[in-house]
C-alpha atoms as a PDB file:
ATOM      1  CA  MET A   1      -0.056 -15.603 -73.784  1.00  0.00           C
ATOM      2  CA  LYS A   2       1.139 -17.439 -70.799  1.00  0.00           C
ATOM      3  CA  ALA A   3       2.051 -14.568 -68.821  1.00  0.00           C
ATOM      4  CA  THR A   4      -1.376 -12.950 -69.506  1.00  0.00           C
ATOM      5  CA  ALA A   5      -3.058 -16.299 -68.372  1.00  0.00           C
ATOM      6  CA  GLN A   6      -0.992 -16.337 -65.249  1.00  0.00           C
ATOM      7  CA  TYR A   7      -1.957 -12.627 -64.467  1.00  0.00           C
ATOM      8  CA  ILE A   8      -5.504 -13.514 -64.992  1.00  0.00           C
ATOM      9  CA  GLU A   9      -5.218 -16.546 -62.610  1.00  0.00           C
ATOM     10  CA  GLU A  10      -3.500 -14.443 -59.813  1.00  0.00           C
ATOM     11  CA  LEU A  11      -5.948 -11.610 -60.145  1.00  0.00           C
ATOM     12  CA  SER A  12      -9.088 -13.814 -60.261  1.00  0.00           C
ATOM     13  CA  ASP A  13      -7.782 -15.680 -57.270  1.00  0.00           C
ATOM     14  CA  GLN A  14      -7.322 -12.432 -55.220  1.00  0.00           C
ATOM     15  CA  LEU A  15     -10.553 -11.192 -56.206  1.00  0.00           C
ATOM     16  CA  SER A  16     -12.239 -14.556 -55.306  1.00  0.00           C
ATOM     17  CA  ASN A  17     -10.771 -14.281 -51.782  1.00  0.00           C
ATOM     18  CA  LEU A  18     -11.982 -10.680 -51.543  1.00  0.00           C
ATOM     19  CA  ALA A  19     -15.463 -11.638 -52.569  1.00  0.00           C
ATOM     20  CA  LYS A  20     -15.550 -14.476 -50.063  1.00  0.00           C
ATOM     21  CA  GLN A  21     -14.544 -12.073 -47.255  1.00  0.00           C
ATOM     22  CA  HIS A  22     -17.625  -9.985 -48.113  1.00  0.00           C
ATOM     23  CA  GLU A  23     -19.778 -12.953 -48.241  1.00  0.00           C
ATOM     24  CA  MET A  24     -20.387 -12.596 -51.915  1.00  0.00           C
ATOM     25  CA  HIS A  25     -20.145 -16.437 -52.339  1.00  0.00           C
ATOM     26  CA  ASP A  26     -21.632 -16.447 -55.960  1.00  0.00           C
ATOM     27  CA  LEU A  27     -19.136 -14.200 -57.278  1.00  0.00           C
ATOM     28  CA  ALA A  28     -16.337 -15.850 -55.233  1.00  0.00           C
ATOM     29  CA  TYR A  29     -17.425 -19.205 -57.000  1.00  0.00           C
ATOM     30  CA  LEU A  30     -17.365 -17.559 -60.528  1.00  0.00           C
ATOM     31  CA  LEU A  31     -14.005 -15.910 -59.921  1.00  0.00           C
ATOM     32  CA  ARG A  32     -12.597 -19.243 -58.633  1.00  0.00           C
ATOM     33  CA  LEU A  33     -13.789 -20.753 -61.947  1.00  0.00           C
ATOM     34  CA  ALA A  34     -12.057 -18.043 -63.902  1.00  0.00           C
ATOM     35  CA  SER A  35      -8.883 -18.543 -61.997  1.00  0.00           C
ATOM     36  CA  ASP A  36      -9.040 -22.444 -62.763  1.00  0.00           C
ATOM     37  CA  GLU A  37      -9.595 -21.836 -66.405  1.00  0.00           C
ATOM     38  CA  ALA A  38      -6.743 -19.379 -66.659  1.00  0.00           C
ATOM     39  CA  ARG A  39      -4.584 -21.733 -64.829  1.00  0.00           C
ATOM     40  CA  ALA A  40      -5.345 -24.513 -67.320  1.00  0.00           C
ATOM     41  CA  ASN A  41      -4.855 -22.090 -70.287  1.00  0.00           C
ATOM     42  CA  ALA A  42      -1.324 -20.908 -68.779  1.00  0.00           C
ATOM     43  CA  GLN A  43      -0.329 -24.651 -68.627  1.00  0.00           C
ATOM     44  CA  ARG A  44      -1.515 -25.357 -72.242  1.00  0.00           C
ATOM     45  CA  ALA A  45       0.086 -22.114 -73.694  1.00  0.00           C
ATOM     46  CA  PRO A  46       3.130 -22.810 -75.789  1.00  0.00           C
ATOM     47  CA  ALA A  47       6.416 -21.059 -75.285  1.00  0.00           C
ATOM     48  CA  PRO A  48       6.873 -17.849 -77.290  1.00  0.00           C
ATOM     49  CA  VAL A  49       8.515 -18.249 -80.541  1.00  0.00           C
ATOM     50  CA  ARG A  50      11.321 -15.875 -81.292  1.00  0.00           C
ATOM     51  CA  ALA A  51      12.116 -14.949 -84.773  1.00  0.00           C
ATOM     52  CA  PRO A  52      16.192 -15.077 -85.679  1.00  0.00           C
ATOM     53  CA  ALA A  53      17.740 -11.866 -85.847  1.00  0.00           C
ATOM     54  CA  TYR A  54      19.291 -11.181 -89.385  1.00  0.00           C
ATOM     55  CA  GLU A  55      22.277  -9.207 -88.939  1.00  0.00           C
ATOM     56  CA  GLY A  56      22.721  -8.575 -92.604  1.00  0.00           C
ATOM     57  CA  LEU A  57      19.564  -6.631 -93.107  1.00  0.00           C
ATOM     58  CA  SER A  58      19.433  -2.897 -92.516  1.00  0.00           C
ATOM     59  CA  GLN A  59      16.491  -1.268 -90.980  1.00  0.00           C
ATOM     60  CA  HIS A  60      16.753   1.966 -93.056  1.00  0.00           C
ATOM     61  CA  GLY A  61      16.900  -0.016 -96.508  1.00  0.00           C
END
């Protein structure tokens, strides 16, 4: 989830800058808000939990 939030942050930031260049200020503002929210979500996201590997179990039963 953290990687997804970081991707959304970066993409929103890039789109916001592009919207600014084309004088779409309202869109740029909304995209900046999305980038800020994604950044906050990325900072709050817990680290991924990995299940322990069980060597004694066979995948084929």
